[in-house]
């Protein structure tokens, strides 16, 4: 399948996905979970997170890192402070609100 250009448009992305999966397994083995690894480094600026991710994972960039870290709440930005669900989010105490 990797040789089929109709399926795979960028072999480097496929290889990065495999390498990143191995990295996730290594982080889990060393820290107990990826969340524990993130907690170990939190808090950091987005720029510092990007540097860390680029040195840890393959094929990452600022936009990818930012979106990834907004999902579990390590960086703000997924919701504005006037968003109707911000009160529910605040009750969950995401990491970016604990600083």
PDB file of N, CA and C in Angstrom:
ATOM      1  N   UNK A   1       0.812  -1.195   0.000  1.00  0.00           N
ATOM      2  CA  UNK A   1       0.000   0.000   0.000  1.00  0.00           C
ATOM      3  C   UNK A   1       0.859   1.265   0.000  1.00  0.00           C
ATOM      4  N   UNK A   2       2.042   1.208   0.658  1.00  0.00           N
ATOM      5  CA  UNK A   2       2.893   2.394   0.681  1.00  0.00           C
ATOM      6  C   UNK A   2       3.369   2.782  -0.706  1.00  0.00           C
ATOM      7  N   UNK A   3       3.438   1.813  -1.622  1.00  0.00           N
ATOM      8  CA  UNK A   3       3.888   2.087  -2.969  1.00  0.00           C
ATOM      9  C   UNK A   3       2.806   2.619  -3.884  1.00  0.00           C
ATOM     10  N   UNK A   4       1.561   2.619  -3.453  1.00  0.00           N
ATOM     11  CA  UNK A   4       0.436   3.061  -4.268  1.00  0.00           C
ATOM     12  C   UNK A   4       0.227   4.563  -4.082  1.00  0.00           C
ATOM     13  N   UNK A   5       0.633   5.350  -5.075  1.00  0.00           N
ATOM     14  CA  UNK A   5       0.513   6.812  -4.993  1.00  0.00           C
ATOM     15  C   UNK A   5      -0.932   7.272  -4.882  1.00  0.00           C
ATOM     16  N   UNK A   6      -1.875   6.444  -5.299  1.00  0.00           N
ATOM     17  CA  UNK A   6      -3.286   6.788  -5.161  1.00  0.00           C
ATOM     18  C   UNK A   6      -3.755   6.731  -3.718  1.00  0.00           C
ATOM     19  N   UNK A   7      -3.036   5.990  -2.893  1.00  0.00           N
ATOM     20  CA  UNK A   7      -3.394   5.865  -1.483  1.00  0.00           C
ATOM     21  C   UNK A   7      -2.504   6.754  -0.625  1.00  0.00           C
ATOM     22  N   UNK A   8      -1.212   6.667  -0.861  1.00  0.00           N
ATOM     23  CA  UNK A   8      -0.232   7.387  -0.047  1.00  0.00           C
ATOM     24  C   UNK A   8       0.332   8.552  -0.853  1.00  0.00           C
ATOM     25  N   UNK A   9       0.062   9.755  -0.393  1.00  0.00           N
ATOM     26  CA  UNK A   9       0.545  10.946  -1.091  1.00  0.00           C
ATOM     27  C   UNK A   9       1.867  11.447  -0.513  1.00  0.00           C
ATOM     28  N   UNK A  10       2.136  11.099   0.730  1.00  0.00           N
ATOM     29  CA  UNK A  10       3.368  11.566   1.358  1.00  0.00           C
ATOM     30  C   UNK A  10       3.902  10.465   2.273  1.00  0.00           C
ATOM     31  N   UNK A  11       4.863   9.740   1.768  1.00  0.00           N
ATOM     32  CA  UNK A  11       5.446   8.624   2.518  1.00  0.00           C
ATOM     33  C   UNK A  11       6.042   9.102   3.847  1.00  0.00           C
ATOM     34  N   UNK A  12       6.592  10.320   3.868  1.00  0.00           N
ATOM     35  CA  UNK A  12       7.192  10.850   5.096  1.00  0.00           C
ATOM     36  C   UNK A  12       6.161  10.972   6.215  1.00  0.00           C
ATOM     37  N   UNK A  13       4.930  11.328   5.866  1.00  0.00           N
ATOM     38  CA  UNK A  13       3.886  11.421   6.882  1.00  0.00           C
ATOM     39  C   UNK A  13       3.547  10.049   7.450  1.00  0.00           C
ATOM     40  N   UNK A  14       3.533   9.044   6.606  1.00  0.00           N
ATOM     41  CA  UNK A  14       3.270   7.678   7.070  1.00  0.00           C
ATOM     42  C   UNK A  14       4.390   7.232   8.000  1.00  0.00           C
ATOM     43  N   UNK A  15       5.625   7.463   7.581  1.00  0.00           N
ATOM     44  CA  UNK A  15       6.769   7.087   8.412  1.00  0.00           C
ATOM     45  C   UNK A  15       6.764   7.859   9.735  1.00  0.00           C
ATOM     46  N   UNK A  16       6.389   9.136   9.696  1.00  0.00           N
ATOM     47  CA  UNK A  16       6.312   9.938  10.915  1.00  0.00           C
ATOM     48  C   UNK A  16       5.230   9.405  11.845  1.00  0.00           C
ATOM     49  N   UNK A  17       4.110   8.977  11.291  1.00  0.00           N
ATOM     50  CA  UNK A  17       3.029   8.419  12.108  1.00  0.00           C
ATOM     51  C   UNK A  17       3.505   7.182  12.848  1.00  0.00           C
ATOM     52  N   UNK A  18       4.230   6.326  12.171  1.00  0.00           N
ATOM     53  CA  UNK A  18       4.759   5.110  12.800  1.00  0.00           C
ATOM     54  C   UNK A  18       5.778   5.477  13.884  1.00  0.00           C
ATOM     55  N   UNK A  19       6.697   6.386  13.561  1.00  0.00           N
ATOM     56  CA  UNK A  19       7.702   6.806  14.545  1.00  0.00           C
ATOM     57  C   UNK A  19       7.042   7.484  15.746  1.00  0.00           C
ATOM     58  N   UNK A  20       6.037   8.313  15.500  1.00  0.00           N
ATOM     59  CA  UNK A  20       5.352   8.996  16.595  1.00  0.00           C
ATOM     60  C   UNK A  20       4.588   8.022  17.476  1.00  0.00           C
ATOM     61  N   UNK A  21       4.031   6.984  16.890  1.00  0.00           N
ATOM     62  CA  UNK A  21       3.355   5.952  17.691  1.00  0.00           C
ATOM     63  C   UNK A  21       4.359   5.278  18.617  1.00  0.00           C
ATOM     64  N   UNK A  22       5.539   5.024  18.104  1.00  0.00           N
ATOM     65  CA  UNK A  22       6.594   4.438  18.961  1.00  0.00           C
ATOM     66  C   UNK A  22       6.981   5.403  20.076  1.00  0.00           C
ATOM     67  N   UNK A  23       7.065   6.671  19.749  1.00  0.00           N
ATOM     68  CA  UNK A  23       7.404   7.682  20.759  1.00  0.00           C
ATOM     69  C   UNK A  23       6.340   7.739  21.841  1.00  0.00           C
ATOM     70  N   UNK A  24       5.077   7.688  21.451  1.00  0.00           N
ATOM     71  CA  UNK A  24       3.986   7.689  22.431  1.00  0.00           C
ATOM     72  C   UNK A  24       4.116   6.487  23.359  1.00  0.00           C
ATOM     73  N   UNK A  25       4.421   5.328  22.800  1.00  0.00           N
ATOM     74  CA  UNK A  25       4.618   4.129  23.631  1.00  0.00           C
ATOM     75  C   UNK A  25       5.792   4.316  24.583  1.00  0.00           C
ATOM     76  N   UNK A  26       6.874   4.900  24.108  1.00  0.00           N
ATOM     77  CA  UNK A  26       8.040   5.162  24.963  1.00  0.00           C
ATOM     78  C   UNK A  26       7.694   6.141  26.088  1.00  0.00           C
ATOM     79  N   UNK A  27       6.962   7.198  25.753  1.00  0.00           N
ATOM     80  CA  UNK A  27       6.558   8.171  26.773  1.00  0.00           C
ATOM     81  C   UNK A  27       5.666   7.516  27.814  1.00  0.00           C
ATOM     82  N   UNK A  28       4.776   6.673  27.362  1.00  0.00           N
ATOM     83  CA  UNK A  28       3.888   5.953  28.280  1.00  0.00           C
ATOM     84  C   UNK A  28       4.711   5.063  29.209  1.00  0.00           C
ATOM     85  N   UNK A  29       5.694   4.352  28.641  1.00  0.00           N
ATOM     86  CA  UNK A  29       6.523   3.464  29.450  1.00  0.00           C
ATOM     87  C   UNK A  29       7.358   4.241  30.474  1.00  0.00           C
ATOM     88  N   UNK A  30       7.879   5.392  30.080  1.00  0.00           N
ATOM     89  CA  UNK A  30       8.751   6.180  30.959  1.00  0.00           C
ATOM     90  C   UNK A  30       7.992   7.019  31.978  1.00  0.00           C
ATOM     91  N   UNK A  31       6.797   7.505  31.606  1.00  0.00           N
ATOM     92  CA  UNK A  31       6.072   8.447  32.458  1.00  0.00           C
ATOM     93  C   UNK A  31       4.739   7.909  32.971  1.00  0.00           C
ATOM     94  N   UNK A  32       4.332   6.757  32.506  1.00  0.00           N
ATOM     95  CA  UNK A  32       3.051   6.195  32.914  1.00  0.00           C
ATOM     96  C   UNK A  32       1.924   6.517  31.949  1.00  0.00           C
ATOM     97  N   UNK A  33       2.020   7.669  31.297  1.00  0.00           N
ATOM     98  CA  UNK A  33       1.040   8.076  30.291  1.00  0.00           C
ATOM     99  C   UNK A  33       1.564   9.312  29.578  1.00  0.00           C
ATOM    100  N   UNK A  34       0.983   9.610  28.436  1.00  0.00           N
ATOM    101  CA  UNK A  34       1.338  10.842  27.735  1.00  0.00           C
ATOM    102  C   UNK A  34       0.870  12.039  28.558  1.00  0.00           C
ATOM    103  N   UNK A  35      -0.271  11.909  29.222  1.00  0.00           N
ATOM    104  CA  UNK A  35      -0.761  12.997  30.074  1.00  0.00           C
ATOM    105  C   UNK A  35       0.241  13.299  31.188  1.00  0.00           C
ATOM    106  N   UNK A  36       0.844  12.287  31.773  1.00  0.00           N
ATOM    107  CA  UNK A  36       1.842  12.506  32.820  1.00  0.00           C
ATOM    108  C   UNK A  36       3.069  13.218  32.246  1.00  0.00           C
ATOM    109  N   UNK A  37       3.448  12.873  31.022  1.00  0.00           N
ATOM    110  CA  UNK A  37       4.560  13.556  30.349  1.00  0.00           C
ATOM    111  C   UNK A  37       4.217  15.028  30.122  1.00  0.00           C
ATOM    112  N   UNK A  38       2.991  15.288  29.670  1.00  0.00           N
ATOM    113  CA  UNK A  38       2.554  16.674  29.473  1.00  0.00           C
ATOM    114  C   UNK A  38       2.537  17.417  30.807  1.00  0.00           C
ATOM    115  N   UNK A  39       2.010  16.776  31.851  1.00  0.00           N
ATOM    116  CA  UNK A  39       1.965  17.401  33.173  1.00  0.00           C
ATOM    117  C   UNK A  39       3.369  17.725  33.688  1.00  0.00           C
ATOM    118  N   UNK A  40       4.319  16.850  33.396  1.00  0.00           N
ATOM    119  CA  UNK A  40       5.705  17.051  33.822  1.00  0.00           C
ATOM    120  C   UNK A  40       6.278  18.352  33.242  1.00  0.00           C
ATOM    121  N   UNK A  41       5.849  18.705  32.042  1.00  0.00           N
ATOM    122  CA  UNK A  41       6.370  19.894  31.374  1.00  0.00           C
ATOM    123  C   UNK A  41       5.499  21.133  31.544  1.00  0.00           C
ATOM    124  N   UNK A  42       4.303  20.965  32.060  1.00  0.00           N
ATOM    125  CA  UNK A  42       3.364  22.072  32.182  1.00  0.00           C
ATOM    126  C   UNK A  42       3.698  22.914  33.396  1.00  0.00           C
ATOM    127  N   UNK A  43       3.605  24.216  33.384  1.00  0.00           N
ATOM    128  CA  UNK A  43       3.185  25.055  32.268  1.00  0.00           C
ATOM    129  C   UNK A  43       4.371  25.470  31.390  1.00  0.00           C
ATOM    130  N   UNK A  44       4.074  25.678  30.137  1.00  0.00           N
ATOM    131  CA  UNK A  44       5.049  26.175  29.165  1.00  0.00           C
ATOM    132  C   UNK A  44       4.338  27.102  28.195  1.00  0.00           C
ATOM    133  N   UNK A  45       5.094  27.977  27.591  1.00  0.00           N
ATOM    134  CA  UNK A  45       4.539  28.822  26.533  1.00  0.00           C
ATOM    135  C   UNK A  45       4.322  27.951  25.294  1.00  0.00           C
ATOM    136  N   UNK A  46       3.512  28.440  24.379  1.00  0.00           N
ATOM    137  CA  UNK A  46       3.309  27.688  23.140  1.00  0.00           C
ATOM    138  C   UNK A  46       4.635  27.484  22.421  1.00  0.00           C
ATOM    139  N   UNK A  47       5.475  28.494  22.407  1.00  0.00           N
ATOM    140  CA  UNK A  47       6.773  28.379  21.734  1.00  0.00           C
ATOM    141  C   UNK A  47       7.623  27.277  22.352  1.00  0.00           C
ATOM    142  N   UNK A  48       7.626  27.186  23.679  1.00  0.00           N
ATOM    143  CA  UNK A  48       8.393  26.136  24.355  1.00  0.00           C
ATOM    144  C   UNK A  48       7.798  24.759  24.067  1.00  0.00           C
ATOM    145  N   UNK A  49       6.457  24.669  24.033  1.00  0.00           N
ATOM    146  CA  UNK A  49       5.815  23.392  23.684  1.00  0.00           C
ATOM    147  C   UNK A  49       6.223  22.973  22.272  1.00  0.00           C
ATOM    148  N   UNK A  50       6.207  23.910  21.340  1.00  0.00           N
ATOM    149  CA  UNK A  50       6.560  23.588  19.954  1.00  0.00           C
ATOM    150  C   UNK A  50       7.994  23.059  19.893  1.00  0.00           C
ATOM    151  N   UNK A  51       8.894  23.709  20.597  1.00  0.00           N
ATOM    152  CA  UNK A  51      10.283  23.248  20.630  1.00  0.00           C
ATOM    153  C   UNK A  51      10.368  21.837  21.196  1.00  0.00           C
ATOM    154  N   UNK A  52       9.663  21.594  22.292  1.00  0.00           N
ATOM    155  CA  UNK A  52       9.664  20.256  22.901  1.00  0.00           C
ATOM    156  C   UNK A  52       9.099  19.210  21.945  1.00  0.00           C
ATOM    157  N   UNK A  53       7.975  19.516  21.320  1.00  0.00           N
ATOM    158  CA  UNK A  53       7.350  18.551  20.410  1.00  0.00           C
ATOM    159  C   UNK A  53       8.228  18.285  19.196  1.00  0.00           C
ATOM    160  N   UNK A  54       8.858  19.335  18.673  1.00  0.00           N
ATOM    161  CA  UNK A  54       9.734  19.138  17.513  1.00  0.00           C
ATOM    162  C   UNK A  54      10.936  18.278  17.864  1.00  0.00           C
ATOM    163  N   UNK A  55      11.397  18.349  19.108  1.00  0.00           N
ATOM    164  CA  UNK A  55      12.535  17.528  19.509  1.00  0.00           C
ATOM    165  C   UNK A  55      12.112  16.122  19.930  1.00  0.00           C
ATOM    166  N   UNK A  56      10.816  15.906  20.099  1.00  0.00           N
ATOM    167  CA  UNK A  56      10.313  14.611  20.559  1.00  0.00           C
ATOM    168  C   UNK A  56       9.626  13.832  19.446  1.00  0.00           C
ATOM    169  N   UNK A  57       8.852  14.516  18.619  1.00  0.00           N
ATOM    170  CA  UNK A  57       8.052  13.875  17.581  1.00  0.00           C
ATOM    171  C   UNK A  57       8.543  14.267  16.193  1.00  0.00           C
ATOM    172  N   UNK A  58       8.114  13.514  15.203  1.00  0.00           N
ATOM    173  CA  UNK A  58       8.451  13.782  13.810  1.00  0.00           C
ATOM    174  C   UNK A  58       7.302  14.517  13.130  1.00  0.00           C
ATOM    175  N   UNK A  59       7.640  15.377  12.188  1.00  0.00           N
ATOM    176  CA  UNK A  59       6.672  16.037  11.309  1.00  0.00           C
ATOM    177  C   UNK A  59       5.660  16.872  12.099  1.00  0.00           C
ATOM    178  N   UNK A  60       6.159  17.637  13.072  1.00  0.00           N
ATOM    179  CA  UNK A  60       5.270  18.500  13.846  1.00  0.00           C
ATOM    180  C   UNK A  60       5.612  19.954  13.561  1.00  0.00           C
ATOM    181  N   UNK A  61       4.638  20.806  13.727  1.00  0.00           N
ATOM    182  CA  UNK A  61       4.818  22.241  13.536  1.00  0.00           C
ATOM    183  C   UNK A  61       3.936  22.970  14.540  1.00  0.00           C
ATOM    184  N   UNK A  62       4.100  24.261  14.613  1.00  0.00           N
ATOM    185  CA  UNK A  62       3.392  25.056  15.611  1.00  0.00           C
ATOM    186  C   UNK A  62       1.887  24.901  15.608  1.00  0.00           C
ATOM    187  N   UNK A  63       1.290  24.899  14.437  1.00  0.00           N
ATOM    188  CA  UNK A  63      -0.169  24.782  14.354  1.00  0.00           C
ATOM    189  C   UNK A  63      -0.645  23.434  14.880  1.00  0.00           C
ATOM    190  N   UNK A  64       0.053  22.381  14.518  1.00  0.00           N
ATOM    191  CA  UNK A  64      -0.309  21.029  14.972  1.00  0.00           C
ATOM    192  C   UNK A  64      -0.175  20.936  16.490  1.00  0.00           C
ATOM    193  N   UNK A  65       0.935  21.417  17.019  1.00  0.00           N
ATOM    194  CA  UNK A  65       1.173  21.370  18.465  1.00  0.00           C
ATOM    195  C   UNK A  65       0.114  22.177  19.206  1.00  0.00           C
ATOM    196  N   UNK A  66      -0.168  23.379  18.726  1.00  0.00           N
ATOM    197  CA  UNK A  66      -1.164  24.221  19.370  1.00  0.00           C
ATOM    198  C   UNK A  66      -2.538  23.576  19.410  1.00  0.00           C
ATOM    199  N   UNK A  67      -2.985  23.057  18.285  1.00  0.00           N
ATOM    200  CA  UNK A  67      -4.304  22.405  18.232  1.00  0.00           C
ATOM    201  C   UNK A  67      -4.331  21.171  19.130  1.00  0.00           C
ATOM    202  N   UNK A  68      -3.251  20.396  19.099  1.00  0.00           N
ATOM    203  CA  UNK A  68      -3.186  19.198  19.930  1.00  0.00           C
ATOM    204  C   UNK A  68      -3.287  19.556  21.410  1.00  0.00           C
ATOM    205  N   UNK A  69      -2.572  20.582  21.843  1.00  0.00           N
ATOM    206  CA  UNK A  69      -2.546  20.940  23.259  1.00  0.00           C
ATOM    207  C   UNK A  69      -3.784  21.695  23.720  1.00  0.00           C
ATOM    208  N   UNK A  70      -4.538  22.279  22.794  1.00  0.00           N
ATOM    209  CA  UNK A  70      -5.808  22.902  23.173  1.00  0.00           C
ATOM    210  C   UNK A  70      -6.849  21.833  23.501  1.00  0.00           C
ATOM    211  N   UNK A  71      -6.792  20.715  22.802  1.00  0.00           N
ATOM    212  CA  UNK A  71      -7.806  19.671  22.999  1.00  0.00           C
ATOM    213  C   UNK A  71      -7.878  19.177  24.436  1.00  0.00           C
ATOM    214  N   UNK A  72      -6.754  18.805  25.066  1.00  0.00           N
ATOM    215  CA  UNK A  72      -6.832  18.356  26.457  1.00  0.00           C
ATOM    216  C   UNK A  72      -6.702  19.493  27.468  1.00  0.00           C
ATOM    217  N   UNK A  73      -6.590  20.732  26.987  1.00  0.00           N
ATOM    218  CA  UNK A  73      -6.602  21.873  27.886  1.00  0.00           C
ATOM    219  C   UNK A  73      -5.244  22.355  28.366  1.00  0.00           C
ATOM    220  N   UNK A  74      -4.155  21.983  27.698  1.00  0.00           N
ATOM    221  CA  UNK A  74      -2.840  22.464  28.111  1.00  0.00           C
ATOM    222  C   UNK A  74      -2.538  23.857  27.584  1.00  0.00           C
ATOM    223  N   UNK A  75      -3.235  24.276  26.558  1.00  0.00           N
ATOM    224  CA  UNK A  75      -3.122  25.639  26.051  1.00  0.00           C
ATOM    225  C   UNK A  75      -4.518  26.222  25.914  1.00  0.00           C
ATOM    226  N   UNK A  76      -4.673  27.502  26.226  1.00  0.00           N
ATOM    227  CA  UNK A  76      -5.970  28.140  26.013  1.00  0.00           C
ATOM    228  C   UNK A  76      -6.192  28.403  24.529  1.00  0.00           C
ATOM    229  N   UNK A  77      -7.407  28.729  24.192  1.00  0.00           N
ATOM    230  CA  UNK A  77      -7.688  29.146  22.829  1.00  0.00           C
ATOM    231  C   UNK A  77      -8.794  28.377  22.139  1.00  0.00           C
ATOM    232  N   UNK A  78      -9.189  27.243  22.695  1.00  0.00           N
ATOM    233  CA  UNK A  78     -10.256  26.468  22.058  1.00  0.00           C
ATOM    234  C   UNK A  78     -11.597  27.197  22.210  1.00  0.00           C
ATOM    235  N   UNK A  79     -11.727  27.992  23.276  1.00  0.00           N
ATOM    236  CA  UNK A  79     -12.957  28.745  23.534  1.00  0.00           C
ATOM    237  C   UNK A  79     -12.583  30.140  24.010  1.00  0.00           C
ATOM    238  N   UNK A  80     -13.314  31.127  23.548  1.00  0.00           N
ATOM    239  CA  UNK A  80     -13.133  32.491  24.047  1.00  0.00           C
ATOM    240  C   UNK A  80     -13.774  32.586  25.428  1.00  0.00           C
ATOM    241  N   UNK A  81     -13.379  33.581  26.180  1.00  0.00           N
ATOM    242  CA  UNK A  81     -13.914  33.737  27.534  1.00  0.00           C
ATOM    243  C   UNK A  81     -15.405  34.080  27.535  1.00  0.00           C
ATOM    244  N   UNK A  82     -15.935  34.576  26.422  1.00  0.00           N
ATOM    245  CA  UNK A  82     -17.370  34.862  26.360  1.00  0.00           C
ATOM    246  C   UNK A  82     -18.153  33.718  25.715  1.00  0.00           C
ATOM    247  N   UNK A  83     -17.517  32.584  25.503  1.00  0.00           N
ATOM    248  CA  UNK A  83     -18.188  31.412  24.928  1.00  0.00           C
ATOM    249  C   UNK A  83     -19.230  30.885  25.921  1.00  0.00           C
ATOM    250  N   UNK A  84     -20.383  30.455  25.436  1.00  0.00           N
ATOM    251  CA  UNK A  84     -21.431  29.971  26.339  1.00  0.00           C
ATOM    252  C   UNK A  84     -21.030  28.744  27.174  1.00  0.00           C
ATOM    253  N   UNK A  85     -20.021  28.000  26.753  1.00  0.00           N
ATOM    254  CA  UNK A  85     -19.644  26.800  27.518  1.00  0.00           C
ATOM    255  C   UNK A  85     -18.428  27.026  28.417  1.00  0.00           C
ATOM    256  N   UNK A  86     -17.903  28.256  28.466  1.00  0.00           N
ATOM    257  CA  UNK A  86     -16.678  28.493  29.234  1.00  0.00           C
ATOM    258  C   UNK A  86     -16.863  28.195  30.716  1.00  0.00           C
ATOM    259  N   UNK A  87     -18.058  28.393  31.265  1.00  0.00           N
ATOM    260  CA  UNK A  87     -18.287  28.077  32.679  1.00  0.00           C
ATOM    261  C   UNK A  87     -18.152  26.573  32.926  1.00  0.00           C
ATOM    262  N   UNK A  88     -18.674  25.756  32.011  1.00  0.00           N
ATOM    263  CA  UNK A  88     -18.529  24.293  32.152  1.00  0.00           C
ATOM    264  C   UNK A  88     -17.068  23.891  32.036  1.00  0.00           C
ATOM    265  N   UNK A  89     -16.360  24.541  31.146  1.00  0.00           N
ATOM    266  CA  UNK A  89     -14.932  24.243  30.979  1.00  0.00           C
ATOM    267  C   UNK A  89     -14.180  24.629  32.253  1.00  0.00           C
ATOM    268  N   UNK A  90     -14.487  25.778  32.815  1.00  0.00           N
ATOM    269  CA  UNK A  90     -13.807  26.235  34.025  1.00  0.00           C
ATOM    270  C   UNK A  90     -14.023  25.264  35.183  1.00  0.00           C
ATOM    271  N   UNK A  91     -15.201  24.666  35.279  1.00  0.00           N
ATOM    272  CA  UNK A  91     -15.457  23.695  36.349  1.00  0.00           C
ATOM    273  C   UNK A  91     -14.580  22.457  36.215  1.00  0.00           C
ATOM    274  N   UNK A  92     -14.119  22.151  34.993  1.00  0.00           N
ATOM    275  CA  UNK A  92     -13.233  21.006  34.767  1.00  0.00           C
ATOM    276  C   UNK A  92     -11.780  21.329  35.130  1.00  0.00           C
ATOM    277  N   UNK A  93     -11.500  22.590  35.354  1.00  0.00           N
ATOM    278  CA  UNK A  93     -10.154  23.068  35.701  1.00  0.00           C
ATOM    279  C   UNK A  93      -9.074  22.534  34.761  1.00  0.00           C
ATOM    280  N   UNK A  94      -9.148  22.897  33.473  1.00  0.00           N
ATOM    281  CA  UNK A  94      -8.113  22.448  32.541  1.00  0.00           C
ATOM    282  C   UNK A  94      -6.761  23.008  32.959  1.00  0.00           C
ATOM    283  N   UNK A  95      -5.687  22.349  32.565  1.00  0.00           N
ATOM    284  CA  UNK A  95      -4.350  22.787  32.995  1.00  0.00           C
ATOM    285  C   UNK A  95      -4.051  24.263  32.747  1.00  0.00           C
ATOM    286  N   UNK A  96      -4.507  24.830  31.624  1.00  0.00           N
ATOM    287  CA  UNK A  96      -4.180  26.234  31.348  1.00  0.00           C
ATOM    288  C   UNK A  96      -4.845  27.175  32.322  1.00  0.00           C
ATOM    289  N   UNK A  97      -5.925  26.746  32.991  1.00  0.00           N
ATOM    290  CA  UNK A  97      -6.587  27.599  33.978  1.00  0.00           C
ATOM    291  C   UNK A  97      -5.975  27.444  35.371  1.00  0.00           C
ATOM    292  N   UNK A  98      -5.072  26.494  35.561  1.00  0.00           N
ATOM    293  CA  UNK A  98      -4.470  26.256  36.866  1.00  0.00           C
ATOM    294  C   UNK A  98      -3.200  27.066  37.091  1.00  0.00           C
ATOM    295  N   UNK A  99      -2.793  27.805  36.102  1.00  0.00           N
ATOM    296  CA  UNK A  99      -1.522  28.553  36.203  1.00  0.00           C
ATOM    297  C   UNK A  99      -1.669  29.726  37.145  1.00  0.00           C
TER     298      UNK A  99
END
